[in-house]
Amino acid sequence: MITVSLCLAGMAVAGCETMQGAGRDMQTAGQLLTEQAANGQVQMGQAPVAPAADPYMAPAVTPAPY
């Protein structure tokens, strides 16, 4: 019983690391796609669109309380 529970715990930890790595890969792919789109706009003679703010960064100005 202990062996089975240790194996299940090990698989759970490995699964979390795998999902975290996949998330980082997806984020990197999204950034590369955004950069390529901006480069394509520049090559076509259009001004690139300003990138959106990073959703993971804290806001520059804290909102005023109600």
PDB file of N, CA and C in Angstrom:
ATOM      1  N   MET A   1       0.818  -1.190   0.000  1.00  0.00           N
ATOM      2  CA  MET A   1       0.000   0.000   0.000  1.00  0.00           C
ATOM      3  C   MET A   1       0.868   1.263   0.000  1.00  0.00           C
ATOM      4  N   ILE A   2       1.932   1.256   0.771  1.00  0.00           N
ATOM      5  CA  ILE A   2       2.832   2.413   0.832  1.00  0.00           C
ATOM      6  C   ILE A   2       3.512   2.618  -0.521  1.00  0.00           C
ATOM      7  N   THR A   3       3.901   1.535  -1.156  1.00  0.00           N
ATOM      8  CA  THR A   3       4.562   1.630  -2.458  1.00  0.00           C
ATOM      9  C   THR A   3       3.629   2.249  -3.495  1.00  0.00           C
ATOM     10  N   VAL A   4       2.400   1.825  -3.488  1.00  0.00           N
ATOM     11  CA  VAL A   4       1.426   2.365  -4.445  1.00  0.00           C
ATOM     12  C   VAL A   4       1.207   3.855  -4.194  1.00  0.00           C
ATOM     13  N   SER A   5       1.075   4.255  -2.950  1.00  0.00           N
ATOM     14  CA  SER A   5       0.851   5.669  -2.642  1.00  0.00           C
ATOM     15  C   SER A   5       2.067   6.521  -3.017  1.00  0.00           C
ATOM     16  N   LEU A   6       3.277   5.994  -2.817  1.00  0.00           N
ATOM     17  CA  LEU A   6       4.477   6.727  -3.222  1.00  0.00           C
ATOM     18  C   LEU A   6       4.546   6.877  -4.735  1.00  0.00           C
ATOM     19  N   CYS A   7       4.171   5.844  -5.460  1.00  0.00           N
ATOM     20  CA  CYS A   7       4.160   5.923  -6.930  1.00  0.00           C
ATOM     21  C   CYS A   7       3.139   6.950  -7.404  1.00  0.00           C
ATOM     22  N   LEU A   8       1.967   6.967  -6.798  1.00  0.00           N
ATOM     23  CA  LEU A   8       0.939   7.936  -7.175  1.00  0.00           C
ATOM     24  C   LEU A   8       1.384   9.369  -6.851  1.00  0.00           C
ATOM     25  N   ALA A   9       2.022   9.559  -5.722  1.00  0.00           N
ATOM     26  CA  ALA A   9       2.515  10.887  -5.356  1.00  0.00           C
ATOM     27  C   ALA A   9       3.593  11.343  -6.341  1.00  0.00           C
ATOM     28  N   GLY A  10       4.467  10.432  -6.731  1.00  0.00           N
ATOM     29  CA  GLY A  10       5.513  10.765  -7.709  1.00  0.00           C
ATOM     30  C   GLY A  10       4.927  11.152  -9.058  1.00  0.00           C
ATOM     31  N   MET A  11       3.890  10.440  -9.492  1.00  0.00           N
ATOM     32  CA  MET A  11       3.254  10.765 -10.770  1.00  0.00           C
ATOM     33  C   MET A  11       2.545  12.118 -10.694  1.00  0.00           C
ATOM     34  N   ALA A  12       1.955  12.427  -9.563  1.00  0.00           N
ATOM     35  CA  ALA A  12       1.263  13.711  -9.409  1.00  0.00           C
ATOM     36  C   ALA A  12       2.251  14.869  -9.504  1.00  0.00           C
ATOM     37  N   VAL A  13       3.389  14.737  -8.838  1.00  0.00           N
ATOM     38  CA  VAL A  13       4.418  15.787  -8.890  1.00  0.00           C
ATOM     39  C   VAL A  13       4.964  15.923 -10.301  1.00  0.00           C
ATOM     40  N   ALA A  14       5.223  14.805 -10.970  1.00  0.00           N
ATOM     41  CA  ALA A  14       5.733  14.847 -12.343  1.00  0.00           C
ATOM     42  C   ALA A  14       4.703  15.485 -13.272  1.00  0.00           C
ATOM     43  N   GLY A  15       3.432  15.210 -13.050  1.00  0.00           N
ATOM     44  CA  GLY A  15       2.378  15.802 -13.875  1.00  0.00           C
ATOM     45  C   GLY A  15       2.317  17.306 -13.710  1.00  0.00           C
ATOM     46  N   CYS A  16       2.503  17.800 -12.502  1.00  0.00           N
ATOM     47  CA  CYS A  16       2.491  19.247 -12.260  1.00  0.00           C
ATOM     48  C   CYS A  16       3.652  19.921 -12.975  1.00  0.00           C
ATOM     49  N   GLU A  17       4.827  19.312 -12.899  1.00  0.00           N
ATOM     50  CA  GLU A  17       5.993  19.874 -13.571  1.00  0.00           C
ATOM     51  C   GLU A  17       5.791  19.865 -15.086  1.00  0.00           C
ATOM     52  N   THR A  18       5.184  18.813 -15.605  1.00  0.00           N
ATOM     53  CA  THR A  18       4.948  18.716 -17.042  1.00  0.00           C
ATOM     54  C   THR A  18       3.989  19.810 -17.493  1.00  0.00           C
ATOM     55  N   MET A  19       2.924  20.033 -16.769  1.00  0.00           N
ATOM     56  CA  MET A  19       1.950  21.062 -17.131  1.00  0.00           C
ATOM     57  C   MET A  19       2.568  22.457 -17.021  1.00  0.00           C
ATOM     58  N   GLN A  20       3.403  22.668 -16.022  1.00  0.00           N
ATOM     59  CA  GLN A  20       4.052  23.961 -15.859  1.00  0.00           C
ATOM     60  C   GLN A  20       5.001  24.216 -17.038  1.00  0.00           C
ATOM     61  N   GLY A  21       5.740  23.211 -17.440  1.00  0.00           N
ATOM     62  CA  GLY A  21       6.638  23.345 -18.587  1.00  0.00           C
ATOM     63  C   GLY A  21       5.869  23.589 -19.873  1.00  0.00           C
ATOM     64  N   ALA A  22       4.739  22.904 -20.039  1.00  0.00           N
ATOM     65  CA  ALA A  22       3.911  23.107 -21.227  1.00  0.00           C
ATOM     66  C   ALA A  22       3.360  24.528 -21.247  1.00  0.00           C
ATOM     67  N   GLY A  23       2.993  25.059 -20.115  1.00  0.00           N
ATOM     68  CA  GLY A  23       2.510  26.434 -20.039  1.00  0.00           C
ATOM     69  C   GLY A  23       3.581  27.427 -20.448  1.00  0.00           C
ATOM     70  N   ARG A  24       4.812  27.191 -20.002  1.00  0.00           N
ATOM     71  CA  ARG A  24       5.911  28.081 -20.398  1.00  0.00           C
ATOM     72  C   ARG A  24       6.166  27.991 -21.890  1.00  0.00           C
ATOM     73  N   ASP A  25       6.085  26.777 -22.450  1.00  0.00           N
ATOM     74  CA  ASP A  25       6.282  26.606 -23.892  1.00  0.00           C
ATOM     75  C   ASP A  25       5.212  27.348 -24.679  1.00  0.00           C
ATOM     76  N   MET A  26       3.971  27.276 -24.221  1.00  0.00           N
ATOM     77  CA  MET A  26       2.877  27.965 -24.907  1.00  0.00           C
ATOM     78  C   MET A  26       3.066  29.485 -24.831  1.00  0.00           C
ATOM     79  N   GLN A  27       3.521  29.976 -23.695  1.00  0.00           N
ATOM     80  CA  GLN A  27       3.736  31.407 -23.534  1.00  0.00           C
ATOM     81  C   GLN A  27       4.851  31.877 -24.480  1.00  0.00           C
ATOM     82  N   THR A  28       5.928  31.115 -24.563  1.00  0.00           N
ATOM     83  CA  THR A  28       7.023  31.461 -25.457  1.00  0.00           C
ATOM     84  C   THR A  28       6.566  31.444 -26.906  1.00  0.00           C
ATOM     85  N   ALA A  29       5.785  30.438 -27.273  1.00  0.00           N
ATOM     86  CA  ALA A  29       5.270  30.365 -28.645  1.00  0.00           C
ATOM     87  C   ALA A  29       4.376  31.560 -28.954  1.00  0.00           C
ATOM     88  N   GLY A  30       3.567  31.992 -28.017  1.00  0.00           N
ATOM     89  CA  GLY A  30       2.714  33.155 -28.210  1.00  0.00           C
ATOM     90  C   GLY A  30       3.521  34.425 -28.397  1.00  0.00           C
ATOM     91  N   GLN A  31       4.588  34.582 -27.621  1.00  0.00           N
ATOM     92  CA  GLN A  31       5.444  35.757 -27.764  1.00  0.00           C
ATOM     93  C   GLN A  31       6.128  35.768 -29.129  1.00  0.00           C
ATOM     94  N   LEU A  32       6.616  34.609 -29.575  1.00  0.00           N
ATOM     95  CA  LEU A  32       7.251  34.539 -30.888  1.00  0.00           C
ATOM     96  C   LEU A  32       6.264  34.849 -32.000  1.00  0.00           C
ATOM     97  N   LEU A  33       5.046  34.349 -31.881  1.00  0.00           N
ATOM     98  CA  LEU A  33       4.022  34.619 -32.883  1.00  0.00           C
ATOM     99  C   LEU A  33       3.696  36.108 -32.938  1.00  0.00           C
ATOM    100  N   THR A  34       3.616  36.761 -31.788  1.00  0.00           N
ATOM    101  CA  THR A  34       3.358  38.195 -31.733  1.00  0.00           C
ATOM    102  C   THR A  34       4.485  38.975 -32.396  1.00  0.00           C
ATOM    103  N   GLU A  35       5.724  38.585 -32.123  1.00  0.00           N
ATOM    104  CA  GLU A  35       6.869  39.261 -32.724  1.00  0.00           C
ATOM    105  C   GLU A  35       6.873  39.084 -34.240  1.00  0.00           C
ATOM    106  N   GLN A  36       6.576  37.883 -34.709  1.00  0.00           N
ATOM    107  CA  GLN A  36       6.541  37.637 -36.152  1.00  0.00           C
ATOM    108  C   GLN A  36       5.436  38.435 -36.824  1.00  0.00           C
ATOM    109  N   ALA A  37       4.301  38.563 -36.174  1.00  0.00           N
ATOM    110  CA  ALA A  37       3.200  39.359 -36.733  1.00  0.00           C
ATOM    111  C   ALA A  37       3.609  40.824 -36.838  1.00  0.00           C
ATOM    112  N   ALA A  38       4.289  41.341 -35.812  1.00  0.00           N
ATOM    113  CA  ALA A  38       4.753  42.730 -35.852  1.00  0.00           C
ATOM    114  C   ALA A  38       5.772  42.921 -36.965  1.00  0.00           C
ATOM    115  N   ASN A  39       6.687  41.964 -37.131  1.00  0.00           N
ATOM    116  CA  ASN A  39       7.673  42.051 -38.208  1.00  0.00           C
ATOM    117  C   ASN A  39       6.992  42.022 -39.570  1.00  0.00           C
ATOM    118  N   GLY A  40       5.966  41.206 -39.710  1.00  0.00           N
ATOM    119  CA  GLY A  40       5.230  41.133 -40.967  1.00  0.00           C
ATOM    120  C   GLY A  40       4.537  42.446 -41.271  1.00  0.00           C
ATOM    121  N   GLN A  41       3.990  43.108 -40.264  1.00  0.00           N
ATOM    122  CA  GLN A  41       3.341  44.399 -40.472  1.00  0.00           C
ATOM    123  C   GLN A  41       4.353  45.445 -40.913  1.00  0.00           C
ATOM    124  N   VAL A  42       5.537  45.427 -40.328  1.00  0.00           N
ATOM    125  CA  VAL A  42       6.569  46.388 -40.697  1.00  0.00           C
ATOM    126  C   VAL A  42       6.997  46.148 -42.143  1.00  0.00           C
ATOM    127  N   GLN A  43       7.152  44.893 -42.533  1.00  0.00           N
ATOM    128  CA  GLN A  43       7.561  44.584 -43.898  1.00  0.00           C
ATOM    129  C   GLN A  43       6.499  44.989 -44.911  1.00  0.00           C
ATOM    130  N   MET A  44       5.238  44.990 -44.505  1.00  0.00           N
ATOM    131  CA  MET A  44       4.154  45.387 -45.399  1.00  0.00           C
ATOM    132  C   MET A  44       3.972  46.899 -45.402  1.00  0.00           C
ATOM    133  N   GLY A  45       4.735  47.630 -44.592  1.00  0.00           N
ATOM    134  CA  GLY A  45       4.651  49.073 -44.570  1.00  0.00           C
ATOM    135  C   GLY A  45       3.654  49.623 -43.580  1.00  0.00           C
ATOM    136  N   GLN A  46       3.138  48.786 -42.717  1.00  0.00           N
ATOM    137  CA  GLN A  46       2.184  49.237 -41.713  1.00  0.00           C
ATOM    138  C   GLN A  46       2.904  49.429 -40.385  1.00  0.00           C
ATOM    139  N   ALA A  47       2.402  50.336 -39.590  1.00  0.00           N
ATOM    140  CA  ALA A  47       2.969  50.524 -38.260  1.00  0.00           C
ATOM    141  C   ALA A  47       2.538  49.360 -37.373  1.00  0.00           C
ATOM    142  N   PRO A  48       3.455  48.777 -36.627  1.00  0.00           N
ATOM    143  CA  PRO A  48       3.068  47.668 -35.747  1.00  0.00           C
ATOM    144  C   PRO A  48       2.162  48.149 -34.624  1.00  0.00           C
ATOM    145  N   VAL A  49       1.272  47.285 -34.216  1.00  0.00           N
ATOM    146  CA  VAL A  49       0.365  47.575 -33.112  1.00  0.00           C
ATOM    147  C   VAL A  49       1.147  47.451 -31.817  1.00  0.00           C
ATOM    148  N   ALA A  50       0.927  48.373 -30.899  1.00  0.00           N
ATOM    149  CA  ALA A  50       1.617  48.327 -29.608  1.00  0.00           C
ATOM    150  C   ALA A  50       1.228  47.050 -28.876  1.00  0.00           C
ATOM    151  N   PRO A  51       2.207  46.327 -28.318  1.00  0.00           N
ATOM    152  CA  PRO A  51       1.874  45.096 -27.606  1.00  0.00           C
ATOM    153  C   PRO A  51       1.037  45.385 -26.361  1.00  0.00           C
ATOM    154  N   ALA A  52       0.188  44.450 -26.050  1.00  0.00           N
ATOM    155  CA  ALA A  52      -0.653  44.579 -24.856  1.00  0.00           C
ATOM    156  C   ALA A  52       0.214  44.471 -23.612  1.00  0.00           C
ATOM    157  N   ALA A  53      -0.264  45.028 -22.528  1.00  0.00           N
ATOM    158  CA  ALA A  53       0.463  44.951 -21.267  1.00  0.00           C
ATOM    159  C   ALA A  53       0.549  43.496 -20.813  1.00  0.00           C
ATOM    160  N   ASP A  54       1.638  43.162 -20.171  1.00  0.00           N
ATOM    161  CA  ASP A  54       1.833  41.806 -19.666  1.00  0.00           C
ATOM    162  C   ASP A  54       0.810  41.540 -18.563  1.00  0.00           C
ATOM    163  N   PRO A  55      -0.059  40.531 -18.725  1.00  0.00           N
ATOM    164  CA  PRO A  55      -1.101  40.302 -17.717  1.00  0.00           C
ATOM    165  C   PRO A  55      -0.552  39.820 -16.381  1.00  0.00           C
ATOM    166  N   TYR A  56       0.719  39.431 -16.339  1.00  0.00           N
ATOM    167  CA  TYR A  56       1.285  38.912 -15.099  1.00  0.00           C
ATOM    168  C   TYR A  56       1.992  39.990 -14.289  1.00  0.00           C
ATOM    169  N   MET A  57       2.101  41.204 -14.825  1.00  0.00           N
ATOM    170  CA  MET A  57       2.774  42.282 -14.102  1.00  0.00           C
ATOM    171  C   MET A  57       1.749  43.059 -13.275  1.00  0.00           C
ATOM    172  N   ALA A  58       2.215  43.614 -12.187  1.00  0.00           N
ATOM    173  CA  ALA A  58       1.349  44.448 -11.358  1.00  0.00           C
ATOM    174  C   ALA A  58       1.043  45.743 -12.102  1.00  0.00           C
ATOM    175  N   PRO A  59      -0.111  46.343 -11.887  1.00  0.00           N
ATOM    176  CA  PRO A  59      -0.426  47.604 -12.556  1.00  0.00           C
ATOM    177  C   PRO A  59       0.548  48.698 -12.156  1.00  0.00           C
ATOM    178  N   ALA A  60       0.822  49.610 -13.101  1.00  0.00           N
ATOM    179  CA  ALA A  60       1.771  50.697 -12.836  1.00  0.00           C
ATOM    180  C   ALA A  60       1.224  51.631 -11.773  1.00  0.00           C
ATOM    181  N   VAL A  61      -0.072  51.879 -11.785  1.00  0.00           N
ATOM    182  CA  VAL A  61      -0.699  52.784 -10.818  1.00  0.00           C
ATOM    183  C   VAL A  61      -1.747  51.986 -10.062  1.00  0.00           C
ATOM    184  N   THR A  62      -1.724  52.089  -8.776  1.00  0.00           N
ATOM    185  CA  THR A  62      -2.725  51.375  -7.998  1.00  0.00           C
ATOM    186  C   THR A  62      -4.055  52.117  -8.101  1.00  0.00           C
ATOM    187  N   PRO A  63      -5.145  51.396  -8.302  1.00  0.00           N
ATOM    188  CA  PRO A  63      -6.436  52.065  -8.422  1.00  0.00           C
ATOM    189  C   PRO A  63      -6.853  52.690  -7.097  1.00  0.00           C
ATOM    190  N   ALA A  64      -7.584  53.790  -7.206  1.00  0.00           N
ATOM    191  CA  ALA A  64      -8.060  54.475  -6.005  1.00  0.00           C
ATOM    192  C   ALA A  64      -9.183  53.671  -5.374  1.00  0.00           C
ATOM    193  N   PRO A  65      -9.253  53.639  -4.050  1.00  0.00           N
ATOM    194  CA  PRO A  65     -10.344  52.907  -3.407  1.00  0.00           C
ATOM    195  C   PRO A  65     -11.671  53.614  -3.654  1.00  0.00           C
ATOM    196  N   TYR A  66     -12.740  52.890  -3.525  1.00  0.00           N
ATOM    197  CA  TYR A  66     -14.072  53.456  -3.759  1.00  0.00           C
ATOM    198  C   TYR A  66     -14.440  54.442  -2.709  1.00  0.00           C
TER     199      TYR A  66
END
